[in-house]
Every structure is written in C-alpha cells, then in structure tokens.
Amino acid sequence: MEKQEIFEKIKAALAEDFDIEEEKLVPEAKLYEDLELDSIDAVDLIVKLKSFLPRNIDPEVFKAVRTLQDVVDAIYNLIHSTESK
C-alpha cells in the first residue's frame, strides 16, 4: 500500500467517523490543533486503522505523531517493515 492510498483511507475515516471537513484534511494538518482531535479520538482512529494493517499497532509508534502526514508515514513504515520480514 502506497502513502497516497493510506492518506485517502485515513482522510475518509476522519471525515466519516469524526465529522471533519475534507478541506481541513491535508497532510500538514496538526491532529490536535487543526483537526481538534483529543486523546480518545486518537485511540478511536488507531482502532479504525487496524482494519487495514497487517499486525497490531504498537502505541509507542504514535507517540511522536503530530500531523496527518506523520500518521501516514508511521502506517506506511509499519506495513513495509512487516513486508520485509
């Protein structure tokens, strides 16, 4: 799965499940400041993303995530680190 496809899935989840306007869903959007997600929302998003990940998500991976692009990159790295094993 490529980064653009991951971004589109995250964007769709945020728009549908969190009622965030699509024009706000850009790679540089800050999760907490721009998208107004809180820690509960972040957990809900991770649960939603598990459906297209090859393995469980280590919460440590997401501690440094601040923007939508950071989420895309973290998921991309998880997917591709699994494929190379």
N, C-alpha and C. Protein backbone atom coordinates (compact mmCIF):
# COMPACT_ATOMS: atom_id res chain seq x y z
N MET A 1 0.85 -1.17 0.00
CA MET A 1 0.00 0.00 0.00
C MET A 1 0.91 1.24 0.00
N GLU A 2 0.59 2.15 -0.88
CA GLU A 2 1.41 3.36 -1.01
C GLU A 2 0.87 4.47 -0.11
N LYS A 3 1.69 5.49 0.10
CA LYS A 3 1.34 6.58 1.02
C LYS A 3 0.05 7.30 0.63
N GLN A 4 -0.16 7.50 -0.66
CA GLN A 4 -1.38 8.20 -1.10
C GLN A 4 -2.63 7.40 -0.74
N GLU A 5 -2.56 6.09 -0.91
CA GLU A 5 -3.69 5.23 -0.58
C GLU A 5 -3.95 5.25 0.94
N ILE A 6 -2.88 5.21 1.72
CA ILE A 6 -3.02 5.29 3.18
C ILE A 6 -3.66 6.62 3.56
N PHE A 7 -3.17 7.71 2.96
CA PHE A 7 -3.73 9.04 3.24
C PHE A 7 -5.22 9.07 2.94
N GLU A 8 -5.61 8.51 1.80
CA GLU A 8 -7.03 8.53 1.41
C GLU A 8 -7.89 7.75 2.40
N LYS A 9 -7.39 6.63 2.91
CA LYS A 9 -8.15 5.83 3.88
C LYS A 9 -8.29 6.59 5.21
N ILE A 10 -7.21 7.22 5.64
CA ILE A 10 -7.25 8.00 6.88
C ILE A 10 -8.20 9.19 6.71
N LYS A 11 -8.09 9.84 5.58
CA LYS A 11 -8.93 11.00 5.28
C LYS A 11 -10.42 10.60 5.31
N ALA A 12 -10.73 9.48 4.70
CA ALA A 12 -12.12 9.00 4.68
C ALA A 12 -12.60 8.68 6.10
N ALA A 13 -11.75 8.04 6.89
CA ALA A 13 -12.12 7.69 8.27
C ALA A 13 -12.37 8.95 9.09
N LEU A 14 -11.50 9.93 8.95
CA LEU A 14 -11.66 11.17 9.71
C LEU A 14 -12.91 11.94 9.28
N ALA A 15 -13.17 11.96 8.00
CA ALA A 15 -14.35 12.67 7.50
C ALA A 15 -15.64 11.98 7.96
N GLU A 16 -15.67 10.65 7.85
CA GLU A 16 -16.89 9.90 8.18
C GLU A 16 -17.10 9.77 9.69
N ASP A 17 -16.08 9.32 10.39
CA ASP A 17 -16.24 8.97 11.80
C ASP A 17 -16.09 10.15 12.76
N PHE A 18 -15.38 11.18 12.32
CA PHE A 18 -15.12 12.30 13.21
C PHE A 18 -15.74 13.61 12.72
N ASP A 19 -16.47 13.52 11.61
CA ASP A 19 -17.16 14.69 11.05
C ASP A 19 -16.23 15.88 10.83
N ILE A 20 -15.05 15.60 10.29
CA ILE A 20 -14.10 16.67 9.99
C ILE A 20 -14.26 17.04 8.52
N GLU A 21 -14.33 18.32 8.25
CA GLU A 21 -14.49 18.79 6.88
C GLU A 21 -13.28 18.39 6.05
N GLU A 22 -13.55 17.88 4.84
CA GLU A 22 -12.47 17.37 3.99
C GLU A 22 -11.41 18.40 3.66
N GLU A 23 -11.79 19.66 3.54
CA GLU A 23 -10.78 20.68 3.20
C GLU A 23 -9.75 20.87 4.32
N LYS A 24 -10.09 20.46 5.54
CA LYS A 24 -9.13 20.53 6.65
C LYS A 24 -8.14 19.35 6.62
N LEU A 25 -8.50 18.30 5.89
CA LEU A 25 -7.71 17.06 5.90
C LEU A 25 -6.59 17.11 4.86
N VAL A 26 -5.55 17.82 5.22
CA VAL A 26 -4.36 17.96 4.38
C VAL A 26 -3.18 17.37 5.15
N PRO A 27 -2.15 16.93 4.45
CA PRO A 27 -1.03 16.26 5.13
C PRO A 27 -0.42 17.04 6.28
N GLU A 28 -0.34 18.36 6.16
CA GLU A 28 0.31 19.15 7.20
C GLU A 28 -0.62 19.52 8.37
N ALA A 29 -1.87 19.07 8.32
CA ALA A 29 -2.82 19.37 9.40
C ALA A 29 -2.35 18.74 10.70
N LYS A 30 -2.33 19.55 11.75
CA LYS A 30 -1.95 19.06 13.08
C LYS A 30 -3.17 18.39 13.70
N LEU A 31 -2.97 17.19 14.20
CA LEU A 31 -4.09 16.40 14.72
C LEU A 31 -4.84 17.09 15.84
N TYR A 32 -4.12 17.64 16.79
CA TYR A 32 -4.77 18.21 17.96
C TYR A 32 -5.20 19.65 17.74
N GLU A 33 -4.34 20.45 17.15
CA GLU A 33 -4.65 21.87 16.97
C GLU A 33 -5.61 22.12 15.80
N ASP A 34 -5.28 21.59 14.62
CA ASP A 34 -6.06 21.88 13.42
C ASP A 34 -7.33 21.02 13.32
N LEU A 35 -7.20 19.75 13.66
CA LEU A 35 -8.33 18.83 13.50
C LEU A 35 -9.12 18.64 14.79
N GLU A 36 -8.60 19.23 15.87
CA GLU A 36 -9.27 19.19 17.17
C GLU A 36 -9.56 17.78 17.67
N LEU A 37 -8.63 16.87 17.41
CA LEU A 37 -8.75 15.51 17.94
C LEU A 37 -8.20 15.52 19.37
N ASP A 38 -8.81 14.72 20.23
CA ASP A 38 -8.26 14.56 21.57
C ASP A 38 -7.69 13.15 21.69
N SER A 39 -7.20 12.81 22.87
CA SER A 39 -6.55 11.51 23.03
C SER A 39 -7.51 10.35 22.80
N ILE A 40 -8.76 10.50 23.16
CA ILE A 40 -9.77 9.46 22.92
C ILE A 40 -9.99 9.29 21.42
N ASP A 41 -10.07 10.41 20.70
CA ASP A 41 -10.22 10.36 19.24
C ASP A 41 -9.03 9.65 18.61
N ALA A 42 -7.83 9.92 19.13
CA ALA A 42 -6.62 9.29 18.58
C ALA A 42 -6.70 7.77 18.75
N VAL A 43 -7.16 7.31 19.90
CA VAL A 43 -7.31 5.87 20.13
C VAL A 43 -8.36 5.30 19.17
N ASP A 44 -9.47 6.00 19.02
CA ASP A 44 -10.52 5.55 18.09
C ASP A 44 -9.98 5.46 16.66
N LEU A 45 -9.16 6.42 16.27
CA LEU A 45 -8.58 6.40 14.93
C LEU A 45 -7.66 5.19 14.76
N ILE A 46 -6.85 4.90 15.76
CA ILE A 46 -5.95 3.74 15.68
C ILE A 46 -6.76 2.46 15.56
N VAL A 47 -7.84 2.34 16.31
CA VAL A 47 -8.71 1.16 16.22
C VAL A 47 -9.26 1.04 14.80
N LYS A 48 -9.68 2.14 14.24
CA LYS A 48 -10.22 2.15 12.87
C LYS A 48 -9.14 1.74 11.86
N LEU A 49 -7.91 2.20 12.06
CA LEU A 49 -6.83 1.91 11.12
C LEU A 49 -6.36 0.46 11.19
N LYS A 50 -6.60 -0.20 12.32
CA LYS A 50 -6.18 -1.59 12.46
C LYS A 50 -6.77 -2.48 11.37
N SER A 51 -7.91 -2.09 10.83
CA SER A 51 -8.58 -2.91 9.83
C SER A 51 -7.77 -3.11 8.56
N PHE A 52 -6.84 -2.21 8.26
CA PHE A 52 -6.03 -2.42 7.06
C PHE A 52 -4.54 -2.54 7.34
N LEU A 53 -4.22 -2.87 8.59
CA LEU A 53 -2.82 -3.10 8.93
C LEU A 53 -2.55 -4.60 9.09
N PRO A 54 -1.35 -5.02 8.73
CA PRO A 54 -1.03 -6.45 8.76
C PRO A 54 -0.79 -7.00 10.16
N ARG A 55 -0.62 -6.12 11.14
CA ARG A 55 -0.37 -6.59 12.51
C ARG A 55 -0.82 -5.52 13.49
N ASN A 56 -0.74 -5.86 14.76
CA ASN A 56 -1.13 -4.90 15.79
C ASN A 56 -0.24 -3.67 15.77
N ILE A 57 -0.78 -2.59 16.21
CA ILE A 57 -0.06 -1.32 16.25
C ILE A 57 0.54 -1.15 17.64
N ASP A 58 1.81 -0.86 17.68
CA ASP A 58 2.47 -0.53 18.95
C ASP A 58 2.18 0.94 19.24
N PRO A 59 1.52 1.23 20.35
CA PRO A 59 1.18 2.63 20.66
C PRO A 59 2.41 3.55 20.69
N GLU A 60 3.58 3.01 20.98
CA GLU A 60 4.80 3.81 21.01
C GLU A 60 5.07 4.48 19.66
N VAL A 61 4.67 3.81 18.58
CA VAL A 61 4.89 4.33 17.24
C VAL A 61 4.19 5.67 17.05
N PHE A 62 3.07 5.84 17.72
CA PHE A 62 2.25 7.02 17.50
C PHE A 62 2.50 8.14 18.51
N LYS A 63 3.42 7.94 19.46
CA LYS A 63 3.68 8.99 20.44
C LYS A 63 4.27 10.25 19.81
N ALA A 64 5.04 10.10 18.74
CA ALA A 64 5.68 11.25 18.11
C ALA A 64 4.84 11.83 16.96
N VAL A 65 3.71 11.25 16.70
CA VAL A 65 2.84 11.68 15.61
C VAL A 65 2.17 13.00 15.97
N ARG A 66 2.30 13.98 15.08
CA ARG A 66 1.69 15.29 15.32
C ARG A 66 0.78 15.74 14.17
N THR A 67 1.12 15.31 12.95
CA THR A 67 0.35 15.75 11.78
C THR A 67 -0.26 14.54 11.08
N LEU A 68 -1.14 14.83 10.16
CA LEU A 68 -1.74 13.77 9.36
C LEU A 68 -0.67 13.03 8.56
N GLN A 69 0.32 13.76 8.05
CA GLN A 69 1.41 13.12 7.31
C GLN A 69 2.22 12.20 8.21
N ASP A 70 2.40 12.56 9.47
CA ASP A 70 3.10 11.69 10.43
C ASP A 70 2.36 10.37 10.58
N VAL A 71 1.04 10.41 10.62
CA VAL A 71 0.23 9.19 10.73
C VAL A 71 0.44 8.33 9.49
N VAL A 72 0.38 8.96 8.32
CA VAL A 72 0.59 8.24 7.06
C VAL A 72 1.97 7.57 7.06
N ASP A 73 2.99 8.32 7.42
CA ASP A 73 4.35 7.79 7.43
C ASP A 73 4.50 6.63 8.41
N ALA A 74 3.92 6.76 9.60
CA ALA A 74 4.01 5.71 10.61
C ALA A 74 3.34 4.42 10.11
N ILE A 75 2.18 4.56 9.51
CA ILE A 75 1.47 3.38 9.00
C ILE A 75 2.23 2.77 7.83
N TYR A 76 2.71 3.61 6.94
CA TYR A 76 3.50 3.13 5.80
C TYR A 76 4.70 2.33 6.30
N ASN A 77 5.40 2.86 7.28
CA ASN A 77 6.57 2.17 7.83
C ASN A 77 6.19 0.85 8.49
N LEU A 78 5.06 0.81 9.19
CA LEU A 78 4.59 -0.43 9.80
C LEU A 78 4.30 -1.48 8.74
N ILE A 79 3.61 -1.07 7.70
CA ILE A 79 3.25 -2.01 6.64
C ILE A 79 4.50 -2.55 5.95
N HIS A 80 5.41 -1.66 5.63
CA HIS A 80 6.59 -2.07 4.87
C HIS A 80 7.64 -2.76 5.71
N SER A 81 7.66 -2.53 7.01
CA SER A 81 8.59 -3.26 7.86
C SER A 81 8.10 -4.70 8.04
N THR A 82 6.80 -4.90 7.99
CA THR A 82 6.23 -6.24 8.06
C THR A 82 6.49 -7.02 6.78
N GLU A 83 6.38 -6.33 5.63
CA GLU A 83 6.59 -6.99 4.35
C GLU A 83 8.03 -7.46 4.17
N SER A 84 8.98 -6.73 4.75
CA SER A 84 10.38 -7.07 4.55
C SER A 84 10.86 -8.18 5.46
N LYS A 85 10.02 -8.60 6.40
CA LYS A 85 10.42 -9.69 7.34
C LYS A 85 10.10 -11.03 6.78
